[in-house]
Amino acid sequence: MFGGKWKTLSWDYCVEECFVHRFTTMALLLLMVLIGCFMQGSQGLKISAFNIQRFDQSKVNDPVTLDILIQILQRYDLITIEEVMDADNSAITELVRELNRSTKLHYNYIISDHLGRSSYREKYAFVYNENILKPMAWYHFDDGCEKCGTDTFIREPFIVHFHSLTTIVKDFVLVAIHTSPSYAIREVDALYDVWADARNHFNTENILILGDYNAACRYVTDSDWPHIRLRQHKNFHWLIDDAIDTTVSKYTHCAYDRFVVTTKGLLKTIVPGSVKTFNFQEAYGLPYYTVKEVSDHYPIELELENDPNTVGAKYGTESSIGINAVPNIMIAVLTMEIIVKVPCDGSEKVARSHESLTKNIE
């Protein structure tokens, strides 16, 4: 071809090359599915936090990236996704629909406001298996006056109370966070205040703060830890060790993504050995450039112990997909309706929940 004469490519040759390429791609995707099936075994409710770098319609439109995301997400019952970019939620809705088609389960999602101080804004999304989990109440942490420039977080934590049918701990709270790298020290320290607020708001210590803390490498150094209350208080446990790498890049080794719980909270119900990073590049045998198209982070994961007395228990599911975070007064009203419909541990519990939510409205 390059020796002065053009090589004539026959139709049969082109068809053969095309077939080989498509067959190789299909074989890779089939292998990923089979590996995913073998890796599904678990002892509890699987929870993950995953910063899907700049998640928008472009990732859903890429069939290879979409297939990889589905294989990752179907490992879990509850996933916190950071860096959701689309304003109209079309990408996350399509992702969840594809997840449902792939798993034959019914996942749904609840999503935060578009958060940020400038034109660059992100959302948090909780994707959950609706057969066994229900979001009961939710709110955005109030960190001060954004317009005044006195607020603490660039992207305020989004806090959701879930009820679980299958775990020993039936009610727990997830706090989603993606700190700003430039203000990581201040924001990670302020997560102590977020935890205290969530504890008072829901009257529980069953709280898991999860997401991209940016709490490693040059953003939070060893000399910064003494100034971070969430790290210094003996009641808090950082489940992802500082030495763990949660990043995809060949040139970084940083524990940016974290789980934090308390001694009196969820710590005792976490399945031993279940806390880890899921390196999907190694698990699925993917080339580096393909992984980079998915994200610059690996998901982190853990399991909460199952209740042996609730095997096979299921909720009814909604026909619609997607719950938008709405003003607090509306949240309270909607939550009361959900609590009345959802099986609880007795009518007294329903009455107490109803009373507390009524006070929130007032």
Protein backbone atom coordinates (compact mmCIF):
# COMPACT_ATOMS: atom_id res chain seq x y z
CA MET A 1 0.00 0.00 0.00
CA PHE A 2 2.83 2.34 0.79
CA GLY A 3 5.21 1.03 -1.87
CA GLY A 4 3.70 3.10 -4.64
CA LYS A 5 0.75 0.78 -5.43
CA TRP A 6 -2.65 0.81 -3.75
CA LYS A 7 -3.82 -2.54 -2.49
CA THR A 8 -7.28 -3.39 -3.74
CA LEU A 9 -9.45 -4.58 -0.85
CA SER A 10 -12.00 -7.15 -1.86
CA TRP A 11 -15.57 -7.14 -0.54
CA ASP A 12 -14.94 -10.50 1.12
CA TYR A 13 -11.88 -9.09 2.88
CA CYS A 14 -13.82 -6.09 4.21
CA VAL A 15 -16.67 -8.29 5.43
CA GLU A 16 -14.21 -10.63 7.14
CA GLU A 17 -12.39 -7.78 8.90
CA CYS A 18 -15.65 -6.21 10.01
CA PHE A 19 -16.91 -9.57 11.30
CA VAL A 20 -13.70 -10.19 13.26
CA HIS A 21 -13.87 -6.74 14.87
CA ARG A 22 -17.53 -7.10 15.81
CA PHE A 23 -17.02 -10.66 17.04
CA THR A 24 -14.11 -9.56 19.23
CA THR A 25 -16.17 -6.72 20.73
CA MET A 26 -19.16 -9.01 21.35
CA ALA A 27 -16.92 -11.66 22.89
CA LEU A 28 -15.43 -9.08 25.26
CA LEU A 29 -18.87 -7.89 26.35
CA LEU A 30 -20.09 -11.48 26.80
CA LEU A 31 -17.04 -12.25 28.91
CA MET A 32 -17.81 -9.20 31.06
CA VAL A 33 -21.36 -10.46 31.61
CA LEU A 34 -20.15 -13.91 32.63
CA ILE A 35 -17.55 -12.48 34.98
CA GLY A 36 -20.19 -10.19 36.46
CA CYS A 37 -22.46 -13.16 37.13
CA PHE A 38 -19.72 -15.07 38.94
CA MET A 39 -18.91 -12.01 41.06
CA GLN A 40 -22.46 -11.38 42.25
CA GLY A 41 -22.32 -13.55 45.36
CA SER A 42 -22.68 -11.54 48.55
CA GLN A 43 -23.61 -11.85 52.19
CA GLY A 44 -25.48 -8.58 52.47
CA LEU A 45 -26.80 -5.41 50.94
CA LYS A 46 -24.11 -4.11 48.59
CA ILE A 47 -23.53 -0.36 48.68
CA SER A 48 -21.18 1.58 46.41
CA ALA A 49 -19.95 5.11 45.83
CA PHE A 50 -18.84 5.86 42.29
CA ASN A 51 -17.62 9.12 40.80
CA ILE A 52 -18.53 8.58 37.15
CA GLN A 53 -16.45 11.38 35.70
CA ARG A 54 -18.71 13.99 34.09
CA PHE A 55 -21.60 11.60 33.61
CA ASP A 56 -23.88 12.83 30.84
CA GLN A 57 -25.59 11.68 27.66
CA SER A 58 -22.29 11.07 25.87
CA LYS A 59 -21.49 8.12 28.15
CA VAL A 60 -24.93 6.61 27.63
CA ASN A 61 -24.62 7.04 23.87
CA ASP A 62 -21.32 5.12 23.79
CA PRO A 63 -22.35 1.43 23.71
CA VAL A 64 -19.06 0.13 25.14
CA THR A 65 -19.02 2.64 28.00
CA LEU A 66 -22.70 2.00 28.71
CA ASP A 67 -22.20 -1.78 28.83
CA ILE A 68 -19.30 -1.42 31.25
CA LEU A 69 -21.32 0.89 33.50
CA ILE A 70 -24.21 -1.57 33.54
CA GLN A 71 -21.90 -4.43 34.47
CA ILE A 72 -20.49 -2.36 37.33
CA LEU A 73 -23.80 -1.03 38.66
CA GLN A 74 -25.58 -4.38 38.66
CA ARG A 75 -23.12 -5.57 41.32
CA TYR A 76 -24.87 -3.32 43.84
CA ASP A 77 -28.20 -2.76 45.55
CA LEU A 78 -27.53 0.90 46.28
CA ILE A 79 -25.12 3.17 44.43
CA THR A 80 -24.19 6.78 45.13
CA ILE A 81 -23.15 8.45 41.89
CA GLU A 82 -21.23 11.72 41.85
CA GLU A 83 -20.65 14.11 38.94
CA VAL A 84 -24.05 13.73 37.29
CA MET A 85 -24.00 16.60 34.82
CA ASP A 86 -27.21 16.61 32.77
CA ALA A 87 -29.77 19.23 33.76
CA ASP A 88 -32.84 17.30 32.63
CA ASN A 89 -31.85 13.90 34.13
CA SER A 90 -32.23 12.19 30.76
CA ALA A 91 -28.87 10.40 30.97
CA ILE A 92 -29.38 8.99 34.47
CA THR A 93 -32.93 7.95 33.56
CA GLU A 94 -31.72 6.08 30.48
CA LEU A 95 -28.92 4.47 32.49
CA VAL A 96 -31.37 3.15 35.09
CA ARG A 97 -33.77 1.88 32.42
CA GLU A 98 -30.92 0.01 30.77
CA LEU A 99 -29.91 -1.38 34.17
CA ASN A 100 -33.45 -2.66 34.66
CA ARG A 101 -33.49 -4.28 31.23
CA SER A 102 -30.17 -5.98 31.91
CA THR A 103 -30.92 -7.25 35.42
CA LYS A 104 -34.70 -7.88 35.12
CA LEU A 105 -34.91 -6.08 38.49
CA HIS A 106 -36.43 -2.71 39.22
CA TYR A 107 -33.94 0.00 40.08
CA ASN A 108 -34.96 3.59 40.62
CA TYR A 109 -33.12 6.76 41.53
CA ILE A 110 -33.41 9.87 43.64
CA ILE A 111 -31.40 12.87 42.53
CA SER A 112 -30.27 16.13 44.11
CA ASP A 113 -30.50 19.69 42.88
CA HIS A 114 -27.88 20.99 40.45
CA LEU A 115 -25.20 22.09 42.92
CA GLY A 116 -22.36 24.57 42.55
CA ARG A 117 -21.48 28.24 42.72
CA SER A 118 -20.80 28.86 39.04
CA SER A 119 -21.99 27.65 35.66
CA TYR A 120 -20.25 24.35 36.43
CA ARG A 121 -22.70 22.30 38.45
CA GLU A 122 -23.13 18.68 39.46
CA LYS A 123 -25.79 16.45 40.95
CA TYR A 124 -25.71 13.50 43.31
CA ALA A 125 -27.82 10.47 42.47
CA PHE A 126 -28.74 7.44 44.56
CA VAL A 127 -29.62 4.45 42.38
CA TYR A 128 -31.33 1.74 44.41
CA ASN A 129 -33.04 -1.64 44.05
CA GLU A 130 -36.64 -0.68 44.59
CA ASN A 131 -37.67 -4.21 45.52
CA ILE A 132 -35.79 -4.02 48.81
CA LEU A 133 -35.06 -0.32 49.45
CA LYS A 134 -37.16 2.82 49.81
CA PRO A 135 -36.04 6.43 50.28
CA MET A 136 -38.08 7.75 53.20
CA ALA A 137 -36.90 11.36 53.51
CA TRP A 138 -34.16 13.55 52.12
CA TYR A 139 -32.68 17.03 52.20
CA HIS A 140 -29.71 19.12 51.14
CA PHE A 141 -27.41 20.22 53.94
CA ASP A 142 -27.83 23.94 54.65
CA ASP A 143 -24.32 25.32 54.92
CA GLY A 144 -25.04 29.04 54.86
CA CYS A 145 -25.71 31.81 52.39
CA GLU A 146 -24.44 30.88 48.93
CA LYS A 147 -25.10 34.31 47.44
CA CYS A 148 -23.24 35.91 50.34
CA GLY A 149 -20.24 33.66 49.80
CA THR A 150 -20.37 32.40 53.39
CA ASP A 151 -21.40 28.82 52.64
CA THR A 152 -18.94 25.99 53.33
CA PHE A 153 -19.41 23.54 50.48
CA ILE A 154 -19.15 24.09 46.75
CA ARG A 155 -21.57 21.16 46.37
CA GLU A 156 -23.64 20.71 49.51
CA PRO A 157 -24.03 17.12 50.73
CA PHE A 158 -27.26 15.37 49.75
CA ILE A 159 -28.70 13.31 52.60
CA VAL A 160 -31.20 10.46 52.21
CA HIS A 161 -32.84 8.19 54.77
CA PHE A 162 -33.40 4.67 53.38
CA HIS A 163 -35.51 1.83 54.73
CA SER A 164 -34.24 -1.66 53.91
CA LEU A 165 -36.30 -4.85 54.00
CA THR A 166 -33.41 -7.29 53.96
CA THR A 167 -30.74 -5.97 56.36
CA ILE A 168 -30.36 -6.26 60.11
CA VAL A 169 -30.32 -2.46 60.30
CA LYS A 170 -33.65 -1.50 58.75
CA ASP A 171 -33.14 2.25 58.63
CA PHE A 172 -29.96 4.09 57.73
CA VAL A 173 -28.85 7.42 56.30
CA LEU A 174 -26.49 8.03 53.39
CA VAL A 175 -24.65 11.33 52.99
CA ALA A 176 -23.33 11.90 49.47
CA ILE A 177 -20.32 14.18 49.07
CA HIS A 178 -18.00 15.35 46.32
CA THR A 179 -15.65 17.91 47.82
CA SER A 180 -13.93 20.61 45.85
CA PRO A 181 -10.22 19.72 45.59
CA SER A 182 -9.24 23.34 46.29
CA TYR A 183 -11.25 23.38 49.53
CA ALA A 184 -10.99 19.71 50.49
CA ILE A 185 -9.51 20.32 53.94
CA ARG A 186 -12.26 22.72 54.94
CA GLU A 187 -15.04 20.65 53.43
CA VAL A 188 -13.91 17.30 54.86
CA ASP A 189 -13.65 18.92 58.29
CA ALA A 190 -17.18 20.34 57.89
CA LEU A 191 -18.53 16.84 57.26
CA TYR A 192 -18.47 16.52 61.04
CA ASP A 193 -21.19 19.20 61.14
CA VAL A 194 -23.10 17.41 58.40
CA TRP A 195 -22.99 14.17 60.37
CA ALA A 196 -24.22 15.94 63.53
CA ASP A 197 -27.04 17.59 61.57
CA ALA A 198 -28.13 14.29 59.98
CA ARG A 199 -28.00 12.54 63.36
CA ASN A 200 -30.29 15.16 64.89
CA HIS A 201 -32.54 15.33 61.84
CA PHE A 202 -33.19 11.57 61.69
CA ASN A 203 -32.43 10.68 65.32
CA THR A 204 -29.94 7.95 64.38
CA GLU A 205 -26.24 7.21 64.23
CA ASN A 206 -26.72 4.72 61.41
CA ILE A 207 -25.09 7.16 59.00
CA LEU A 208 -22.68 6.46 56.16
CA ILE A 209 -20.83 9.41 54.62
CA LEU A 210 -19.64 8.28 51.22
CA GLY A 211 -18.25 9.70 48.02
CA ASP A 212 -15.27 11.51 46.57
CA TYR A 213 -13.67 13.26 49.54
CA ASN A 214 -10.51 14.24 47.62
CA ALA A 215 -8.92 13.45 50.98
CA ALA A 216 -5.50 12.32 49.83
CA CYS A 217 -2.30 13.22 47.99
CA ARG A 218 -1.80 16.96 47.49
CA TYR A 219 -5.35 17.97 48.47
CA VAL A 220 -5.16 16.61 52.03
CA THR A 221 -1.67 15.85 53.33
CA ASP A 222 -0.48 14.23 56.56
CA SER A 223 -0.02 17.66 58.16
CA ASP A 224 -3.68 18.52 57.48
CA TRP A 225 -5.28 15.60 59.33
CA PRO A 226 -4.93 17.13 62.83
CA HIS A 227 -7.24 19.94 61.67
CA ILE A 228 -10.01 17.63 60.46
CA ARG A 229 -12.54 16.75 63.16
CA LEU A 230 -14.02 13.86 61.19
CA ARG A 231 -10.60 12.22 61.35
CA GLN A 232 -9.61 13.13 64.90
CA HIS A 233 -12.77 12.12 66.73
CA LYS A 234 -12.38 8.53 68.00
CA ASN A 235 -16.01 7.72 67.20
CA PHE A 236 -15.42 7.90 63.42
CA HIS A 237 -14.01 5.08 61.35
CA TRP A 238 -12.49 5.61 57.90
CA LEU A 239 -13.11 2.32 56.15
CA ILE A 240 -10.99 2.97 53.05
CA ASP A 241 -7.37 3.11 54.19
CA ASP A 242 -5.07 5.98 53.18
CA ALA A 243 -2.84 3.54 51.29
CA ILE A 244 -5.64 2.39 48.96
CA ASP A 245 -5.73 3.71 45.40
CA THR A 246 -9.23 4.61 44.16
CA THR A 247 -8.05 6.30 40.96
CA VAL A 248 -7.76 4.89 37.43
CA SER A 249 -4.75 6.92 36.29
CA LYS A 250 -1.36 5.26 35.95
CA TYR A 251 0.21 8.36 37.44
CA THR A 252 -1.73 8.67 40.71
CA HIS A 253 -2.11 6.53 43.82
CA CYS A 254 -4.67 8.34 45.96
CA ALA A 255 -7.46 7.33 48.34
CA TYR A 256 -9.85 10.04 47.18
CA ASP A 257 -13.03 7.99 47.64
CA ARG A 258 -14.05 7.10 51.19
CA PHE A 259 -16.61 5.56 53.53
CA VAL A 260 -16.93 6.97 57.07
CA VAL A 261 -19.14 5.50 59.81
CA THR A 262 -19.27 5.68 63.61
CA THR A 263 -18.68 3.07 66.31
CA LYS A 264 -22.28 3.31 67.54
CA GLY A 265 -23.65 3.35 64.02
CA LEU A 266 -23.26 1.01 61.06
CA LEU A 267 -19.76 -0.27 61.90
CA LYS A 268 -20.95 -3.40 63.67
CA THR A 269 -23.21 -4.49 60.79
CA ILE A 270 -20.67 -4.23 57.95
CA VAL A 271 -19.75 -7.63 56.54
CA PRO A 272 -16.08 -8.30 57.39
CA GLY A 273 -13.82 -8.09 54.35
CA SER A 274 -16.47 -6.46 52.17
CA VAL A 275 -14.93 -2.98 52.11
CA LYS A 276 -12.78 -2.48 49.04
CA THR A 277 -12.20 -0.75 45.75
CA PHE A 278 -13.58 -2.48 42.68
CA ASN A 279 -10.88 -2.34 40.02
CA PHE A 280 -13.04 -3.02 36.98
CA GLN A 281 -10.08 -2.73 34.64
CA GLU A 282 -8.54 -5.86 36.17
CA ALA A 283 -11.87 -7.59 36.77
CA TYR A 284 -13.02 -7.26 33.16
CA GLY A 285 -9.62 -7.29 31.45
CA LEU A 286 -10.13 -3.89 29.86
CA PRO A 287 -7.53 -1.73 28.11
CA TYR A 288 -6.55 1.47 29.88
CA TYR A 289 -8.01 3.79 27.23
CA THR A 290 -11.41 2.08 27.53
CA VAL A 291 -11.44 2.44 31.31
CA LYS A 292 -10.58 6.14 31.05
CA GLU A 293 -13.68 6.64 28.91
CA VAL A 294 -15.77 5.33 31.80
CA SER A 295 -14.25 7.32 34.66
CA ASP A 296 -11.08 8.45 36.38
CA HIS A 297 -12.22 6.73 39.60
CA TYR A 298 -12.92 3.16 40.62
CA PRO A 299 -16.07 2.51 42.68
CA ILE A 300 -15.71 1.67 46.35
CA GLU A 301 -18.00 -0.88 47.96
CA LEU A 302 -19.17 -2.50 51.19
CA GLU A 303 -21.93 -4.79 52.41
CA LEU A 304 -24.41 -4.47 55.27
CA GLU A 305 -25.36 -7.76 56.94
CA ASN A 306 -28.58 -9.39 55.83
CA ASP A 307 -31.41 -10.25 58.21
CA PRO A 308 -31.99 -14.02 57.84
CA ASN A 309 -35.62 -13.54 58.86
CA THR A 310 -36.46 -11.40 55.83
CA VAL A 311 -35.26 -13.63 52.97
CA GLY A 312 -37.48 -13.09 49.95
CA ALA A 313 -39.19 -9.96 51.30
CA LYS A 314 -40.05 -7.44 48.59
CA TYR A 315 -41.62 -4.05 48.17
CA GLY A 316 -44.00 -3.21 45.38
CA THR A 317 -42.36 -1.02 42.72
CA GLU A 318 -43.31 2.23 41.04
CA SER A 319 -43.97 2.39 37.32
CA SER A 320 -42.16 5.72 36.97
CA ILE A 321 -38.42 6.27 37.21
CA GLY A 322 -36.76 9.13 39.06
CA ILE A 323 -37.42 11.17 42.18
CA ASN A 324 -36.29 14.79 42.14
CA ALA A 325 -35.24 16.49 45.36
CA VAL A 326 -37.88 19.12 46.16
CA PRO A 327 -38.24 21.81 48.86
CA ASN A 328 -38.24 20.53 52.43
CA ILE A 329 -41.90 21.23 53.13
CA MET A 330 -42.89 19.10 50.12
CA ILE A 331 -40.46 16.39 51.12
CA ALA A 332 -42.15 16.10 54.49
CA VAL A 333 -45.59 15.68 52.94
CA LEU A 334 -44.41 13.12 50.38
CA THR A 335 -42.47 11.22 53.03
CA MET A 336 -45.51 10.88 55.25
CA GLU A 337 -47.42 9.32 52.36
CA ILE A 338 -44.60 6.88 51.68
CA ILE A 339 -44.31 5.87 55.33
CA VAL A 340 -48.02 5.14 55.56
CA LYS A 341 -47.81 2.86 52.49
CA VAL A 342 -44.58 1.07 53.40
CA PRO A 343 -44.69 -1.82 55.92
CA CYS A 344 -43.09 -0.71 59.19
CA ASP A 345 -42.35 -2.29 62.55
CA GLY A 346 -45.77 -1.45 63.97
CA SER A 347 -48.29 1.36 63.92
CA GLU A 348 -46.56 3.13 66.80
CA LYS A 349 -43.51 3.71 64.62
CA VAL A 350 -45.68 5.15 61.86
CA ALA A 351 -47.32 7.51 64.32
CA ARG A 352 -43.99 8.73 65.66
CA SER A 353 -42.65 9.31 62.14
CA HIS A 354 -45.80 11.18 61.20
CA GLU A 355 -45.55 13.38 64.28
CA SER A 356 -41.89 14.27 63.71
CA LEU A 357 -42.50 15.12 60.06
CA THR A 358 -45.48 17.29 60.98
CA LYS A 359 -43.20 19.29 63.25
CA ASN A 360 -40.78 19.76 60.35
CA ILE A 361 -43.56 21.27 58.25
CA GLU A 362 -44.46 23.71 60.99
